[in-house]
Amino acid sequence: MRRRIRGVIPALVCALAVACFTACNPGTDISEHPCPPAGTEHTYENFGEAFFATYCVECHGGPNGYSSRAFVTVQSIRDQRDRVFLNSAADNTYMPPGPDGPSEAERNMLADWLACGAP
């Protein structure tokens, strides 16, 4: 029993730290990043689908994911694009957690793609 409690405590501390960080640092909102004047060359087919498959659907993959938020269709991403932007695009690096997240260039491409309506 004590082992289980010891295993839970670090997870709770980590969750609390993430919650505090998020509340204290809301990040850049999608309204602060307009679609570039020339639009974007990125589409769901040539950018979004691979980006979300690589970085998001392991946890946000519907019934097989760990989260209640699923990003498995372009429409599900469009419906939640403000939240996705705030967590993962431009200088927002809250998601995905861990060291193997998208590069700065990929986050900027995501920002443009989302700001342009996720075509």
N, C-alpha and C. Protein backbone atom coordinates (compact mmCIF):
# COMPACT_ATOMS: atom_id res chain seq x y z
N MET A 1 0.83 -1.20 0.00
CA MET A 1 0.00 0.00 0.00
C MET A 1 0.87 1.26 0.00
N ARG A 2 1.92 1.25 0.80
CA ARG A 2 2.79 2.44 0.86
C ARG A 2 3.46 2.70 -0.48
N ARG A 3 3.78 1.63 -1.21
CA ARG A 3 4.40 1.82 -2.53
C ARG A 3 3.46 2.53 -3.49
N ARG A 4 2.20 2.16 -3.45
CA ARG A 4 1.22 2.83 -4.31
C ARG A 4 1.13 4.31 -3.98
N ILE A 5 1.09 4.62 -2.71
CA ILE A 5 1.00 6.02 -2.28
C ILE A 5 2.24 6.77 -2.72
N ARG A 6 3.42 6.15 -2.54
CA ARG A 6 4.66 6.81 -2.98
C ARG A 6 4.66 7.06 -4.47
N GLY A 7 4.06 6.17 -5.25
CA GLY A 7 3.99 6.35 -6.70
C GLY A 7 3.00 7.43 -7.11
N VAL A 8 1.98 7.62 -6.31
CA VAL A 8 0.94 8.60 -6.63
C VAL A 8 1.40 10.02 -6.29
N ILE A 9 2.16 10.17 -5.24
CA ILE A 9 2.58 11.50 -4.80
C ILE A 9 3.35 12.25 -5.88
N PRO A 10 4.37 11.66 -6.52
CA PRO A 10 5.06 12.41 -7.59
C PRO A 10 4.12 12.80 -8.73
N ALA A 11 3.18 11.93 -9.06
CA ALA A 11 2.24 12.25 -10.13
C ALA A 11 1.35 13.43 -9.74
N LEU A 12 0.92 13.46 -8.49
CA LEU A 12 0.10 14.57 -8.02
C LEU A 12 0.89 15.88 -7.99
N VAL A 13 2.14 15.80 -7.57
CA VAL A 13 2.99 17.00 -7.54
C VAL A 13 3.19 17.52 -8.96
N CYS A 14 3.43 16.61 -9.89
CA CYS A 14 3.62 17.00 -11.29
C CYS A 14 2.35 17.65 -11.85
N ALA A 15 1.20 17.04 -11.58
CA ALA A 15 -0.07 17.59 -12.06
C ALA A 15 -0.32 18.98 -11.47
N LEU A 16 -0.02 19.15 -10.20
CA LEU A 16 -0.19 20.45 -9.55
C LEU A 16 0.73 21.49 -10.17
N ALA A 17 1.97 21.11 -10.45
CA ALA A 17 2.92 22.04 -11.07
C ALA A 17 2.44 22.46 -12.45
N VAL A 18 1.95 21.50 -13.23
CA VAL A 18 1.43 21.82 -14.57
C VAL A 18 0.23 22.75 -14.47
N ALA A 19 -0.67 22.48 -13.53
CA ALA A 19 -1.85 23.33 -13.35
C ALA A 19 -1.46 24.75 -12.96
N CYS A 20 -0.50 24.87 -12.06
CA CYS A 20 -0.04 26.20 -11.64
C CYS A 20 0.63 26.93 -12.80
N PHE A 21 1.45 26.23 -13.55
CA PHE A 21 2.14 26.84 -14.68
C PHE A 21 1.13 27.35 -15.70
N THR A 22 0.14 26.52 -16.00
CA THR A 22 -0.87 26.90 -16.98
C THR A 22 -1.67 28.10 -16.51
N ALA A 23 -2.05 28.11 -15.25
CA ALA A 23 -2.84 29.22 -14.73
C ALA A 23 -2.04 30.51 -14.68
N CYS A 24 -0.75 30.42 -14.41
CA CYS A 24 0.09 31.60 -14.27
C CYS A 24 0.65 32.09 -15.60
N ASN A 25 0.70 31.23 -16.59
CA ASN A 25 1.29 31.57 -17.88
C ASN A 25 0.32 31.16 -18.98
N PRO A 26 -0.67 32.00 -19.27
CA PRO A 26 -1.69 31.58 -20.23
C PRO A 26 -1.20 31.44 -21.66
N GLY A 27 -0.04 31.96 -22.00
CA GLY A 27 0.49 31.80 -23.34
C GLY A 27 -0.11 32.75 -24.36
N THR A 28 0.25 32.55 -25.60
CA THR A 28 -0.21 33.37 -26.71
C THR A 28 -1.54 32.83 -27.22
N ASP A 29 -2.52 33.68 -27.33
CA ASP A 29 -3.84 33.31 -27.80
C ASP A 29 -3.87 33.35 -29.33
N ILE A 30 -4.72 32.57 -29.94
CA ILE A 30 -4.83 32.54 -31.40
C ILE A 30 -5.18 33.92 -31.97
N SER A 31 -5.90 34.73 -31.21
CA SER A 31 -6.26 36.08 -31.69
C SER A 31 -5.03 36.98 -31.83
N GLU A 32 -3.94 36.62 -31.18
CA GLU A 32 -2.70 37.39 -31.26
C GLU A 32 -1.82 36.94 -32.42
N HIS A 33 -2.28 35.96 -33.18
CA HIS A 33 -1.50 35.42 -34.29
C HIS A 33 -2.43 35.33 -35.52
N PRO A 34 -2.60 36.42 -36.23
CA PRO A 34 -3.51 36.38 -37.39
C PRO A 34 -2.94 35.51 -38.52
N CYS A 35 -3.82 35.07 -39.36
CA CYS A 35 -3.41 34.33 -40.55
C CYS A 35 -2.51 35.25 -41.38
N PRO A 36 -1.37 34.74 -41.86
CA PRO A 36 -0.49 35.58 -42.69
C PRO A 36 -1.25 36.14 -43.90
N PRO A 37 -0.88 37.33 -44.37
CA PRO A 37 -1.58 37.95 -45.51
C PRO A 37 -1.68 37.04 -46.73
N ALA A 38 -0.66 36.25 -46.97
CA ALA A 38 -0.69 35.34 -48.12
C ALA A 38 -1.37 34.01 -47.79
N GLY A 39 -1.88 33.87 -46.59
CA GLY A 39 -2.51 32.61 -46.20
C GLY A 39 -1.46 31.58 -45.82
N THR A 40 -1.81 30.34 -45.97
CA THR A 40 -0.88 29.25 -45.68
C THR A 40 -0.95 28.21 -46.77
N GLU A 41 0.18 27.61 -47.05
CA GLU A 41 0.22 26.52 -48.03
C GLU A 41 -0.12 25.19 -47.35
N HIS A 42 -0.19 25.20 -46.05
CA HIS A 42 -0.43 23.97 -45.30
C HIS A 42 -1.91 23.63 -45.26
N THR A 43 -2.19 22.35 -45.44
CA THR A 43 -3.55 21.83 -45.36
C THR A 43 -3.55 20.67 -44.37
N TYR A 44 -4.72 20.17 -44.09
CA TYR A 44 -4.80 18.99 -43.22
C TYR A 44 -4.05 17.83 -43.88
N GLU A 45 -4.21 17.70 -45.18
CA GLU A 45 -3.61 16.58 -45.90
C GLU A 45 -2.08 16.66 -45.96
N ASN A 46 -1.51 17.85 -46.15
CA ASN A 46 -0.05 17.93 -46.30
C ASN A 46 0.67 18.38 -45.03
N PHE A 47 -0.07 18.67 -43.96
CA PHE A 47 0.58 19.08 -42.72
C PHE A 47 -0.14 18.57 -41.47
N GLY A 48 -1.39 18.98 -41.30
CA GLY A 48 -2.11 18.72 -40.05
C GLY A 48 -2.23 17.26 -39.67
N GLU A 49 -2.59 16.43 -40.62
CA GLU A 49 -2.79 15.01 -40.31
C GLU A 49 -1.51 14.38 -39.76
N ALA A 50 -0.37 14.62 -40.41
CA ALA A 50 0.90 14.06 -39.94
C ALA A 50 1.33 14.67 -38.61
N PHE A 51 1.13 15.98 -38.44
CA PHE A 51 1.49 16.64 -37.19
C PHE A 51 0.74 16.01 -36.03
N PHE A 52 -0.58 15.88 -36.17
CA PHE A 52 -1.38 15.34 -35.07
C PHE A 52 -1.11 13.85 -34.86
N ALA A 53 -0.85 13.11 -35.93
CA ALA A 53 -0.51 11.68 -35.79
C ALA A 53 0.81 11.53 -35.03
N THR A 54 1.75 12.41 -35.30
CA THR A 54 3.06 12.32 -34.67
C THR A 54 3.05 12.77 -33.22
N TYR A 55 2.36 13.86 -32.94
CA TYR A 55 2.49 14.49 -31.62
C TYR A 55 1.26 14.41 -30.71
N CYS A 56 0.10 14.05 -31.24
CA CYS A 56 -1.11 14.22 -30.44
C CYS A 56 -1.97 12.98 -30.21
N VAL A 57 -2.15 12.16 -31.25
CA VAL A 57 -3.18 11.12 -31.14
C VAL A 57 -2.83 9.98 -30.19
N GLU A 58 -1.58 9.86 -29.79
CA GLU A 58 -1.27 8.82 -28.81
C GLU A 58 -2.10 9.03 -27.54
N CYS A 59 -2.25 10.27 -27.14
CA CYS A 59 -3.07 10.59 -25.96
C CYS A 59 -4.46 11.11 -26.35
N HIS A 60 -4.54 11.81 -27.47
CA HIS A 60 -5.80 12.43 -27.89
C HIS A 60 -6.36 11.70 -29.10
N GLY A 61 -6.42 10.37 -29.00
CA GLY A 61 -6.87 9.55 -30.12
C GLY A 61 -8.22 8.91 -29.94
N GLY A 62 -9.13 9.59 -29.31
CA GLY A 62 -10.47 9.04 -29.13
C GLY A 62 -10.48 7.92 -28.11
N PRO A 63 -11.18 6.83 -28.40
CA PRO A 63 -11.33 5.76 -27.41
C PRO A 63 -10.01 5.10 -27.01
N ASN A 64 -9.00 5.20 -27.86
CA ASN A 64 -7.70 4.60 -27.54
C ASN A 64 -6.75 5.56 -26.86
N GLY A 65 -7.16 6.80 -26.67
CA GLY A 65 -6.30 7.81 -26.06
C GLY A 65 -6.52 7.92 -24.57
N TYR A 66 -5.67 8.71 -23.94
CA TYR A 66 -5.75 8.92 -22.51
C TYR A 66 -6.59 10.13 -22.15
N SER A 67 -6.92 10.94 -23.12
CA SER A 67 -7.64 12.19 -22.87
C SER A 67 -9.04 12.12 -23.46
N SER A 68 -9.94 12.86 -22.89
CA SER A 68 -11.30 12.93 -23.43
C SER A 68 -11.35 13.81 -24.68
N ARG A 69 -10.30 14.58 -24.96
CA ARG A 69 -10.25 15.41 -26.16
C ARG A 69 -9.58 14.62 -27.28
N ALA A 70 -10.31 14.41 -28.36
CA ALA A 70 -9.78 13.64 -29.48
C ALA A 70 -9.48 14.57 -30.65
N PHE A 71 -8.34 14.35 -31.27
CA PHE A 71 -7.92 15.11 -32.45
C PHE A 71 -7.66 14.15 -33.59
N VAL A 72 -8.71 13.46 -34.02
CA VAL A 72 -8.54 12.43 -35.04
C VAL A 72 -9.12 12.79 -36.39
N THR A 73 -9.83 13.90 -36.47
CA THR A 73 -10.36 14.38 -37.75
C THR A 73 -10.06 15.87 -37.86
N VAL A 74 -10.06 16.36 -39.06
CA VAL A 74 -9.82 17.78 -39.25
C VAL A 74 -10.92 18.60 -38.56
N GLN A 75 -12.14 18.10 -38.58
CA GLN A 75 -13.23 18.85 -37.94
C GLN A 75 -13.05 18.90 -36.42
N SER A 76 -12.60 17.80 -35.81
CA SER A 76 -12.38 17.82 -34.36
C SER A 76 -11.27 18.80 -33.99
N ILE A 77 -10.29 18.95 -34.86
CA ILE A 77 -9.20 19.91 -34.62
C ILE A 77 -9.73 21.34 -34.81
N ARG A 78 -10.49 21.55 -35.87
CA ARG A 78 -11.07 22.89 -36.10
C ARG A 78 -11.96 23.31 -34.93
N ASP A 79 -12.75 22.37 -34.43
CA ASP A 79 -13.66 22.68 -33.33
C ASP A 79 -12.92 23.09 -32.06
N GLN A 80 -11.67 22.65 -31.93
CA GLN A 80 -10.89 22.91 -30.72
C GLN A 80 -9.62 23.71 -31.01
N ARG A 81 -9.61 24.41 -32.14
CA ARG A 81 -8.36 25.06 -32.57
C ARG A 81 -7.86 26.12 -31.60
N ASP A 82 -8.75 26.83 -30.92
CA ASP A 82 -8.30 27.81 -29.92
C ASP A 82 -7.51 27.13 -28.81
N ARG A 83 -8.05 26.00 -28.32
CA ARG A 83 -7.39 25.25 -27.25
C ARG A 83 -6.07 24.64 -27.74
N VAL A 84 -6.09 24.08 -28.96
CA VAL A 84 -4.87 23.50 -29.52
C VAL A 84 -3.80 24.58 -29.64
N PHE A 85 -4.19 25.74 -30.16
CA PHE A 85 -3.24 26.85 -30.32
C PHE A 85 -2.63 27.23 -28.97
N LEU A 86 -3.47 27.43 -27.99
CA LEU A 86 -3.02 27.88 -26.67
C LEU A 86 -2.07 26.88 -26.00
N ASN A 87 -2.18 25.62 -26.37
CA ASN A 87 -1.33 24.60 -25.75
C ASN A 87 -0.11 24.22 -26.58
N SER A 88 -0.17 24.40 -27.92
CA SER A 88 0.87 23.79 -28.73
C SER A 88 1.45 24.64 -29.85
N ALA A 89 0.85 25.76 -30.20
CA ALA A 89 1.28 26.52 -31.37
C ALA A 89 2.10 27.75 -30.99
N ALA A 90 2.88 28.22 -31.94
CA ALA A 90 3.74 29.40 -31.76
C ALA A 90 4.65 29.18 -30.54
N ASP A 91 4.62 30.10 -29.57
CA ASP A 91 5.50 29.95 -28.41
C ASP A 91 4.84 29.19 -27.26
N ASN A 92 3.68 28.60 -27.50
CA ASN A 92 2.99 27.79 -26.49
C ASN A 92 3.53 26.36 -26.55
N THR A 93 4.16 25.94 -25.49
CA THR A 93 4.83 24.64 -25.50
C THR A 93 4.33 23.69 -24.41
N TYR A 94 3.12 23.92 -23.92
CA TYR A 94 2.56 23.09 -22.87
C TYR A 94 2.35 21.65 -23.35
N MET A 95 1.92 21.48 -24.58
CA MET A 95 1.68 20.16 -25.16
C MET A 95 2.52 20.00 -26.41
N PRO A 96 2.93 18.81 -26.74
CA PRO A 96 2.85 17.62 -25.91
C PRO A 96 3.92 17.67 -24.82
N PRO A 97 3.65 17.00 -23.69
CA PRO A 97 4.64 17.01 -22.62
C PRO A 97 5.85 16.15 -23.00
N GLY A 98 6.97 16.45 -22.43
CA GLY A 98 8.16 15.64 -22.67
C GLY A 98 9.12 16.30 -23.63
N PRO A 99 10.26 15.67 -23.80
CA PRO A 99 11.34 16.28 -24.59
C PRO A 99 11.20 16.11 -26.10
N ASP A 100 10.28 15.27 -26.55
CA ASP A 100 10.21 14.95 -27.98
C ASP A 100 9.08 15.67 -28.69
N GLY A 101 8.82 16.90 -28.31
CA GLY A 101 7.75 17.67 -28.91
C GLY A 101 8.16 18.28 -30.24
N PRO A 102 7.26 19.02 -30.84
CA PRO A 102 7.54 19.66 -32.12
C PRO A 102 8.64 20.72 -32.00
N SER A 103 9.32 20.92 -33.09
CA SER A 103 10.34 21.97 -33.14
C SER A 103 9.66 23.34 -33.16
N GLU A 104 10.44 24.37 -32.97
CA GLU A 104 9.91 25.74 -33.05
C GLU A 104 9.30 25.99 -34.42
N ALA A 105 9.96 25.52 -35.47
CA ALA A 105 9.44 25.71 -36.83
C ALA A 105 8.10 24.99 -37.01
N GLU A 106 7.98 23.78 -36.48
CA GLU A 106 6.71 23.05 -36.58
C GLU A 106 5.60 23.75 -35.79
N ARG A 107 5.95 24.28 -34.62
CA ARG A 107 4.94 25.00 -33.83
C ARG A 107 4.49 26.27 -34.56
N ASN A 108 5.40 26.92 -35.26
CA ASN A 108 5.02 28.11 -36.04
C ASN A 108 4.16 27.75 -37.24
N MET A 109 4.46 26.61 -37.88
CA MET A 109 3.62 26.15 -38.99
C MET A 109 2.22 25.82 -38.46
N LEU A 110 2.16 25.16 -37.29
CA LEU A 110 0.87 24.86 -36.68
C LEU A 110 0.10 26.14 -36.38
N ALA A 111 0.80 27.15 -35.88
CA ALA A 111 0.16 28.44 -35.56
C ALA A 111 -0.46 29.05 -36.81
N ASP A 112 0.29 29.09 -37.91
CA ASP A 112 -0.24 29.65 -39.16
C ASP A 112 -1.42 28.84 -39.65
N TRP A 113 -1.29 27.52 -39.64
CA TRP A 113 -2.33 26.64 -40.12
C TRP A 113 -3.63 26.84 -39.33
N LEU A 114 -3.51 26.87 -38.00
CA LEU A 114 -4.70 27.06 -37.17
C LEU A 114 -5.28 28.47 -37.35
N ALA A 115 -4.42 29.49 -37.41
CA ALA A 115 -4.89 30.86 -37.56
C ALA A 115 -5.62 31.07 -38.89
N CYS A 116 -5.26 30.29 -39.88
CA CYS A 116 -5.91 30.38 -41.20
C CYS A 116 -7.14 29.47 -41.29
N GLY A 117 -7.55 28.91 -40.18
CA GLY A 117 -8.78 28.11 -40.17
C GLY A 117 -8.57 26.61 -40.32
N ALA A 118 -7.32 26.16 -40.31
CA ALA A 118 -7.00 24.72 -40.46
C ALA A 118 -7.58 24.16 -41.75
N PRO A 119 -7.17 24.74 -42.90
CA PRO A 119 -7.74 24.26 -44.19
C PRO A 119 -7.33 22.82 -44.52
